[in-house]
């Protein structure tokens, strides 16, 4: 897969570069993700990174950041 301009994949999922940079200082101060994310005890669990991208369409051709709304097409080739 080619390099994307607005997203990167660190093995955990696609992450928005811009939001990751903005949230970087906050993430460094926070405790380990293992301590915060385990079995969800609430009905609405939240991930430690709000910059984790999701698919913008059912065909999975575009990624979208739920935090800032930026979208980028992803090549299937």
PDB file of N, CA and C in Angstrom:
ATOM      1  N   UNK A   1       0.847  -1.173   0.000  1.00  0.00           N
ATOM      2  CA  UNK A   1       0.000   0.000   0.000  1.00  0.00           C
ATOM      3  C   UNK A   1       0.896   1.240   0.000  1.00  0.00           C
ATOM      4  N   UNK A   2       0.479   2.248  -0.715  1.00  0.00           N
ATOM      5  CA  UNK A   2       1.268   3.472  -0.803  1.00  0.00           C
ATOM      6  C   UNK A   2       1.168   4.293   0.480  1.00  0.00           C
ATOM      7  N   UNK A   3       2.079   5.219   0.640  1.00  0.00           N
ATOM      8  CA  UNK A   3       2.107   6.107   1.796  1.00  0.00           C
ATOM      9  C   UNK A   3       0.946   7.091   1.711  1.00  0.00           C
ATOM     10  N   UNK A   4       0.237   7.275   2.786  1.00  0.00           N
ATOM     11  CA  UNK A   4      -0.869   8.217   2.827  1.00  0.00           C
ATOM     12  C   UNK A   4      -0.406   9.550   3.413  1.00  0.00           C
ATOM     13  N   UNK A   5      -1.024  10.634   2.970  1.00  0.00           N
ATOM     14  CA  UNK A   5      -0.630  11.964   3.424  1.00  0.00           C
ATOM     15  C   UNK A   5      -1.155  12.295   4.819  1.00  0.00           C
ATOM     16  N   UNK A   6      -2.383  11.881   5.117  1.00  0.00           N
ATOM     17  CA  UNK A   6      -3.026  12.301   6.362  1.00  0.00           C
ATOM     18  C   UNK A   6      -3.154  11.197   7.403  1.00  0.00           C
ATOM     19  N   UNK A   7      -2.817   9.956   7.054  1.00  0.00           N
ATOM     20  CA  UNK A   7      -2.975   8.843   7.981  1.00  0.00           C
ATOM     21  C   UNK A   7      -1.739   7.960   7.976  1.00  0.00           C
ATOM     22  N   UNK A   8      -1.483   7.293   9.096  1.00  0.00           N
ATOM     23  CA  UNK A   8      -0.417   6.298   9.172  1.00  0.00           C
ATOM     24  C   UNK A   8      -0.941   5.096   9.943  1.00  0.00           C
ATOM     25  N   UNK A   9      -0.328   3.948   9.713  1.00  0.00           N
ATOM     26  CA  UNK A   9      -0.733   2.727  10.391  1.00  0.00           C
ATOM     27  C   UNK A   9       0.437   2.232  11.221  1.00  0.00           C
ATOM     28  N   UNK A  10       0.261   2.226  12.536  1.00  0.00           N
ATOM     29  CA  UNK A  10       1.321   1.794  13.438  1.00  0.00           C
ATOM     30  C   UNK A  10       1.137   0.352  13.900  1.00  0.00           C
ATOM     31  N   UNK A  11       0.285  -0.392  13.208  1.00  0.00           N
ATOM     32  CA  UNK A  11       0.021  -1.779  13.572  1.00  0.00           C
ATOM     33  C   UNK A  11      -1.244  -1.933  14.408  1.00  0.00           C
ATOM     34  N   UNK A  12      -1.758  -0.846  14.938  1.00  0.00           N
ATOM     35  CA  UNK A  12      -2.970  -0.893  15.752  1.00  0.00           C
ATOM     36  C   UNK A  12      -4.179  -0.437  14.963  1.00  0.00           C
ATOM     37  N   UNK A  13      -3.947   0.334  13.909  1.00  0.00           N
ATOM     38  CA  UNK A  13      -5.019   0.873  13.080  1.00  0.00           C
ATOM     39  C   UNK A  13      -4.557   2.162  12.433  1.00  0.00           C
ATOM     40  N   UNK A  14      -5.364   2.690  11.540  1.00  0.00           N
ATOM     41  CA  UNK A  14      -5.026   3.935  10.856  1.00  0.00           C
ATOM     42  C   UNK A  14      -5.276   5.106  11.796  1.00  0.00           C
ATOM     43  N   UNK A  15      -4.282   5.988  11.906  1.00  0.00           N
ATOM     44  CA  UNK A  15      -4.351   7.126  12.813  1.00  0.00           C
ATOM     45  C   UNK A  15      -4.130   8.410  12.035  1.00  0.00           C
ATOM     46  N   UNK A  16      -4.896   9.438  12.356  1.00  0.00           N
ATOM     47  CA  UNK A  16      -4.767  10.748  11.730  1.00  0.00           C
ATOM     48  C   UNK A  16      -3.467  11.399  12.206  1.00  0.00           C
ATOM     49  N   UNK A  17      -2.623  11.785  11.257  1.00  0.00           N
ATOM     50  CA  UNK A  17      -1.330  12.401  11.599  1.00  0.00           C
ATOM     51  C   UNK A  17      -1.512  13.721  12.349  1.00  0.00           C
ATOM     52  N   UNK A  18      -2.456  14.541  11.901  1.00  0.00           N
ATOM     53  CA  UNK A  18      -2.661  15.863  12.481  1.00  0.00           C
ATOM     54  C   UNK A  18      -3.167  15.775  13.922  1.00  0.00           C
ATOM     55  N   UNK A  19      -4.164  14.951  14.140  1.00  0.00           N
ATOM     56  CA  UNK A  19      -4.729  14.810  15.485  1.00  0.00           C
ATOM     57  C   UNK A  19      -3.749  14.102  16.416  1.00  0.00           C
ATOM     58  N   UNK A  20      -3.026  13.132  15.896  1.00  0.00           N
ATOM     59  CA  UNK A  20      -2.033  12.420  16.705  1.00  0.00           C
ATOM     60  C   UNK A  20      -0.971  13.396  17.213  1.00  0.00           C
ATOM     61  N   UNK A  21      -0.582  14.322  16.351  1.00  0.00           N
ATOM     62  CA  UNK A  21       0.413  15.326  16.738  1.00  0.00           C
ATOM     63  C   UNK A  21      -0.154  16.253  17.817  1.00  0.00           C
ATOM     64  N   UNK A  22      -1.408  16.671  17.650  1.00  0.00           N
ATOM     65  CA  UNK A  22      -2.047  17.546  18.628  1.00  0.00           C
ATOM     66  C   UNK A  22      -2.259  16.840  19.963  1.00  0.00           C
ATOM     67  N   UNK A  23      -2.622  15.571  19.907  1.00  0.00           N
ATOM     68  CA  UNK A  23      -2.902  14.813  21.121  1.00  0.00           C
ATOM     69  C   UNK A  23      -1.654  14.193  21.735  1.00  0.00           C
ATOM     70  N   UNK A  24      -0.530  14.305  21.058  1.00  0.00           N
ATOM     71  CA  UNK A  24       0.709  13.666  21.495  1.00  0.00           C
ATOM     72  C   UNK A  24       1.120  14.017  22.904  1.00  0.00           C
ATOM     73  N   UNK A  25       1.066  15.283  23.261  1.00  0.00           N
ATOM     74  CA  UNK A  25       1.462  15.706  24.594  1.00  0.00           C
ATOM     75  C   UNK A  25       0.516  15.150  25.648  1.00  0.00           C
ATOM     76  N   UNK A  26      -0.769  15.126  25.348  1.00  0.00           N
ATOM     77  CA  UNK A  26      -1.745  14.584  26.287  1.00  0.00           C
ATOM     78  C   UNK A  26      -1.553  13.086  26.463  1.00  0.00           C
ATOM     79  N   UNK A  27      -1.255  12.389  25.364  1.00  0.00           N
ATOM     80  CA  UNK A  27      -1.084  10.939  25.413  1.00  0.00           C
ATOM     81  C   UNK A  27       0.155  10.559  26.216  1.00  0.00           C
ATOM     82  N   UNK A  28       1.196  11.363  26.132  1.00  0.00           N
ATOM     83  CA  UNK A  28       2.415  11.071  26.878  1.00  0.00           C
ATOM     84  C   UNK A  28       2.195  11.215  28.378  1.00  0.00           C
ATOM     85  N   UNK A  29       1.313  12.115  28.789  1.00  0.00           N
ATOM     86  CA  UNK A  29       1.042  12.342  30.202  1.00  0.00           C
ATOM     87  C   UNK A  29       0.081  11.299  30.770  1.00  0.00           C
ATOM     88  N   UNK A  30      -0.719  10.687  29.922  1.00  0.00           N
ATOM     89  CA  UNK A  30      -1.728   9.726  30.372  1.00  0.00           C
ATOM     90  C   UNK A  30      -1.080   8.401  30.768  1.00  0.00           C
ATOM     91  N   UNK A  31      -1.808   7.617  31.537  1.00  0.00           N
ATOM     92  CA  UNK A  31      -1.305   6.302  31.931  1.00  0.00           C
ATOM     93  C   UNK A  31      -1.390   5.329  30.759  1.00  0.00           C
ATOM     94  N   UNK A  32      -0.816   4.179  30.931  1.00  0.00           N
ATOM     95  CA  UNK A  32      -0.767   3.174  29.883  1.00  0.00           C
ATOM     96  C   UNK A  32      -2.159   2.803  29.393  1.00  0.00           C
ATOM     97  N   UNK A  33      -2.261   2.535  28.089  1.00  0.00           N
ATOM     98  CA  UNK A  33      -3.530   2.124  27.499  1.00  0.00           C
ATOM     99  C   UNK A  33      -4.006   0.812  28.110  1.00  0.00           C
ATOM    100  N   UNK A  34      -3.080  -0.033  28.525  1.00  0.00           N
ATOM    101  CA  UNK A  34      -3.458  -1.314  29.128  1.00  0.00           C
ATOM    102  C   UNK A  34      -4.215  -1.127  30.437  1.00  0.00           C
ATOM    103  N   UNK A  35      -3.919  -0.034  31.127  1.00  0.00           N
ATOM    104  CA  UNK A  35      -4.621   0.237  32.380  1.00  0.00           C
ATOM    105  C   UNK A  35      -6.002   0.832  32.154  1.00  0.00           C
ATOM    106  N   UNK A  36      -6.185   1.471  31.001  1.00  0.00           N
ATOM    107  CA  UNK A  36      -7.454   2.143  30.713  1.00  0.00           C
ATOM    108  C   UNK A  36      -8.405   1.312  29.865  1.00  0.00           C
ATOM    109  N   UNK A  37      -7.874   0.493  28.986  1.00  0.00           N
ATOM    110  CA  UNK A  37      -8.703  -0.288  28.081  1.00  0.00           C
ATOM    111  C   UNK A  37      -8.531  -1.765  28.404  1.00  0.00           C
ATOM    112  N   UNK A  38      -9.501  -2.369  28.819  1.00  0.00           N
ATOM    113  CA  UNK A  38      -9.487  -3.801  29.068  1.00  0.00           C
ATOM    114  C   UNK A  38     -10.877  -4.259  28.732  1.00  0.00           C
ATOM    115  N   UNK A  39     -11.427  -5.030  29.606  1.00  0.00           N
ATOM    116  CA  UNK A  39     -12.823  -5.373  29.413  1.00  0.00           C
ATOM    117  C   UNK A  39     -13.650  -4.135  29.736  1.00  0.00           C
ATOM    118  N   UNK A  40     -14.519  -3.793  28.823  1.00  0.00           N
ATOM    119  CA  UNK A  40     -15.327  -2.592  29.005  1.00  0.00           C
ATOM    120  C   UNK A  40     -16.396  -2.836  30.057  1.00  0.00           C
ATOM    121  N   UNK A  41     -16.428  -1.987  31.056  1.00  0.00           N
ATOM    122  CA  UNK A  41     -17.432  -2.112  32.102  1.00  0.00           C
ATOM    123  C   UNK A  41     -18.639  -1.222  31.843  1.00  0.00           C
ATOM    124  N   UNK A  42     -18.489  -0.307  30.895  1.00  0.00           N
ATOM    125  CA  UNK A  42     -19.625   0.558  30.577  1.00  0.00           C
ATOM    126  C   UNK A  42     -20.207   0.152  29.227  1.00  0.00           C
ATOM    127  N   UNK A  43     -21.367   0.684  28.932  1.00  0.00           N
ATOM    128  CA  UNK A  43     -21.999   0.369  27.654  1.00  0.00           C
ATOM    129  C   UNK A  43     -21.412   1.171  26.512  1.00  0.00           C
ATOM    130  N   UNK A  44     -20.676   2.236  26.832  1.00  0.00           N
ATOM    131  CA  UNK A  44     -20.067   3.088  25.821  1.00  0.00           C
ATOM    132  C   UNK A  44     -18.567   3.209  26.089  1.00  0.00           C
ATOM    133  N   UNK A  45     -17.804   2.160  25.787  1.00  0.00           N
ATOM    134  CA  UNK A  45     -16.360   2.245  26.029  1.00  0.00           C
ATOM    135  C   UNK A  45     -15.708   3.242  25.083  1.00  0.00           C
ATOM    136  N   UNK A  46     -14.657   3.884  25.541  1.00  0.00           N
ATOM    137  CA  UNK A  46     -13.934   4.865  24.731  1.00  0.00           C
ATOM    138  C   UNK A  46     -12.493   4.417  24.562  1.00  0.00           C
ATOM    139  N   UNK A  47     -11.974   4.533  23.335  1.00  0.00           N
ATOM    140  CA  UNK A  47     -10.582   4.210  23.089  1.00  0.00           C
ATOM    141  C   UNK A  47      -9.701   5.344  23.582  1.00  0.00           C
ATOM    142  N   UNK A  48      -8.445   5.039  23.848  1.00  0.00           N
ATOM    143  CA  UNK A  48      -7.537   6.060  24.354  1.00  0.00           C
ATOM    144  C   UNK A  48      -7.172   7.087  23.291  1.00  0.00           C
ATOM    145  N   UNK A  49      -7.292   6.731  22.012  1.00  0.00           N
ATOM    146  CA  UNK A  49      -6.961   7.670  20.952  1.00  0.00           C
ATOM    147  C   UNK A  49      -8.207   8.043  20.162  1.00  0.00           C
ATOM    148  N   UNK A  50      -8.549   9.317  20.209  1.00  0.00           N
ATOM    149  CA  UNK A  50      -9.687   9.778  19.416  1.00  0.00           C
ATOM    150  C   UNK A  50      -9.272  10.068  17.975  1.00  0.00           C
ATOM    151  N   UNK A  51      -7.981   9.871  17.666  1.00  0.00           N
ATOM    152  CA  UNK A  51      -7.469  10.110  16.313  1.00  0.00           C
ATOM    153  C   UNK A  51      -7.486   8.842  15.466  1.00  0.00           C
ATOM    154  N   UNK A  52      -8.007   7.746  16.001  1.00  0.00           N
ATOM    155  CA  UNK A  52      -8.083   6.492  15.260  1.00  0.00           C
ATOM    156  C   UNK A  52      -9.131   6.622  14.158  1.00  0.00           C
ATOM    157  N   UNK A  53      -8.701   6.398  12.916  1.00  0.00           N
ATOM    158  CA  UNK A  53      -9.571   6.610  11.753  1.00  0.00           C
ATOM    159  C   UNK A  53     -10.608   5.502  11.604  1.00  0.00           C
ATOM    160  N   UNK A  54     -11.646   5.821  10.860  1.00  0.00           N
ATOM    161  CA  UNK A  54     -12.656   4.820  10.510  1.00  0.00           C
ATOM    162  C   UNK A  54     -12.921   4.932   9.016  1.00  0.00           C
ATOM    163  N   UNK A  55     -13.568   3.926   8.472  1.00  0.00           N
ATOM    164  CA  UNK A  55     -13.892   3.940   7.048  1.00  0.00           C
ATOM    165  C   UNK A  55     -15.051   4.890   6.820  1.00  0.00           C
ATOM    166  N   UNK A  56     -14.930   5.726   5.808  1.00  0.00           N
ATOM    167  CA  UNK A  56     -15.966   6.715   5.504  1.00  0.00           C
ATOM    168  C   UNK A  56     -17.070   6.146   4.621  1.00  0.00           C
ATOM    169  N   UNK A  57     -16.806   5.016   3.966  1.00  0.00           N
ATOM    170  CA  UNK A  57     -17.803   4.418   3.079  1.00  0.00           C
ATOM    171  C   UNK A  57     -17.795   2.902   3.224  1.00  0.00           C
ATOM    172  N   UNK A  58     -18.884   2.275   2.792  1.00  0.00           N
ATOM    173  CA  UNK A  58     -19.024   0.824   2.915  1.00  0.00           C
ATOM    174  C   UNK A  58     -18.037   0.055   2.042  1.00  0.00           C
ATOM    175  N   UNK A  59     -17.604   0.658   0.952  1.00  0.00           N
ATOM    176  CA  UNK A  59     -16.656   0.001   0.043  1.00  0.00           C
ATOM    177  C   UNK A  59     -15.217   0.064   0.570  1.00  0.00           C
ATOM    178  N   UNK A  60     -15.003   0.788   1.665  1.00  0.00           N
ATOM    179  CA  UNK A  60     -13.684   0.952   2.284  1.00  0.00           C
ATOM    180  C   UNK A  60     -12.656   1.544   1.317  1.00  0.00           C
ATOM    181  N   UNK A  61     -13.057   2.633   0.686  1.00  0.00           N
ATOM    182  CA  UNK A  61     -12.170   3.328  -0.243  1.00  0.00           C
ATOM    183  C   UNK A  61     -11.639   4.641   0.330  1.00  0.00           C
ATOM    184  N   UNK A  62     -12.260   5.134   1.409  1.00  0.00           N
ATOM    185  CA  UNK A  62     -11.853   6.397   2.016  1.00  0.00           C
ATOM    186  C   UNK A  62     -11.761   6.251   3.529  1.00  0.00           C
ATOM    187  N   UNK A  63     -10.678   6.785   4.107  1.00  0.00           N
ATOM    188  CA  UNK A  63     -10.531   6.851   5.556  1.00  0.00           C
ATOM    189  C   UNK A  63     -10.988   8.219   6.034  1.00  0.00           C
ATOM    190  N   UNK A  64     -11.543   8.265   7.261  1.00  0.00           N
ATOM    191  CA  UNK A  64     -11.990   9.521   7.829  1.00  0.00           C
ATOM    192  C   UNK A  64     -11.603   9.575   9.295  1.00  0.00           C
ATOM    193  N   UNK A  65     -11.119  10.725   9.729  1.00  0.00           N
ATOM    194  CA  UNK A  65     -10.807  10.937  11.141  1.00  0.00           C
ATOM    195  C   UNK A  65     -12.075  11.431  11.837  1.00  0.00           C
ATOM    196  N   UNK A  66     -12.550  10.729  12.860  1.00  0.00           N
ATOM    197  CA  UNK A  66     -13.765  11.170  13.545  1.00  0.00           C
ATOM    198  C   UNK A  66     -13.559  12.437  14.375  1.00  0.00           C
ATOM    199  N   UNK A  67     -12.315  12.770  14.669  1.00  0.00           N
ATOM    200  CA  UNK A  67     -12.031  13.952  15.488  1.00  0.00           C
ATOM    201  C   UNK A  67     -12.057  15.234  14.662  1.00  0.00           C
ATOM    202  N   UNK A  68     -11.319  15.248  13.524  1.00  0.00           N
ATOM    203  CA  UNK A  68     -11.227  16.476  12.735  1.00  0.00           C
ATOM    204  C   UNK A  68     -12.009  16.408  11.416  1.00  0.00           C
ATOM    205  N   UNK A  69     -12.421  15.206  11.003  1.00  0.00           N
ATOM    206  CA  UNK A  69     -13.244  15.058   9.811  1.00  0.00           C
ATOM    207  C   UNK A  69     -12.481  14.977   8.500  1.00  0.00           C
ATOM    208  N   UNK A  70     -11.150  14.993   8.545  1.00  0.00           N
ATOM    209  CA  UNK A  70     -10.367  14.919   7.308  1.00  0.00           C
ATOM    210  C   UNK A  70     -10.546  13.544   6.668  1.00  0.00           C
ATOM    211  N   UNK A  71     -10.620  13.511   5.337  1.00  0.00           N
ATOM    212  CA  UNK A  71     -10.797  12.260   4.594  1.00  0.00           C
ATOM    213  C   UNK A  71      -9.704  12.112   3.569  1.00  0.00           C
ATOM    214  N   UNK A  72      -9.375  10.847   3.259  1.00  0.00           N
ATOM    215  CA  UNK A  72      -8.371  10.566   2.243  1.00  0.00           C
ATOM    216  C   UNK A  72      -8.708   9.249   1.556  1.00  0.00           C
ATOM    217  N   UNK A  73      -8.607   9.225   0.226  1.00  0.00           N
ATOM    218  CA  UNK A  73      -8.847   7.963  -0.494  1.00  0.00           C
ATOM    219  C   UNK A  73      -7.695   6.997  -0.267  1.00  0.00           C
ATOM    220  N   UNK A  74      -8.043   5.722  -0.214  1.00  0.00           N
ATOM    221  CA  UNK A  74      -7.054   4.655  -0.026  1.00  0.00           C
ATOM    222  C   UNK A  74      -7.086   3.783  -1.276  1.00  0.00           C
ATOM    223  N   UNK A  75      -5.933   3.539  -1.854  1.00  0.00           N
ATOM    224  CA  UNK A  75      -5.855   2.721  -3.056  1.00  0.00           C
ATOM    225  C   UNK A  75      -5.931   1.253  -2.699  1.00  0.00           C
ATOM    226  N   UNK A  76      -6.728   0.490  -3.429  1.00  0.00           N
ATOM    227  CA  UNK A  76      -6.843  -0.959  -3.222  1.00  0.00           C
ATOM    228  C   UNK A  76      -5.778  -1.711  -4.001  1.00  0.00           C
ATOM    229  N   UNK A  77      -5.068  -1.034  -4.886  1.00  0.00           N
ATOM    230  CA  UNK A  77      -4.068  -1.697  -5.736  1.00  0.00           C
ATOM    231  C   UNK A  77      -2.781  -1.945  -5.011  1.00  0.00           C
TER     232      UNK A  77
END
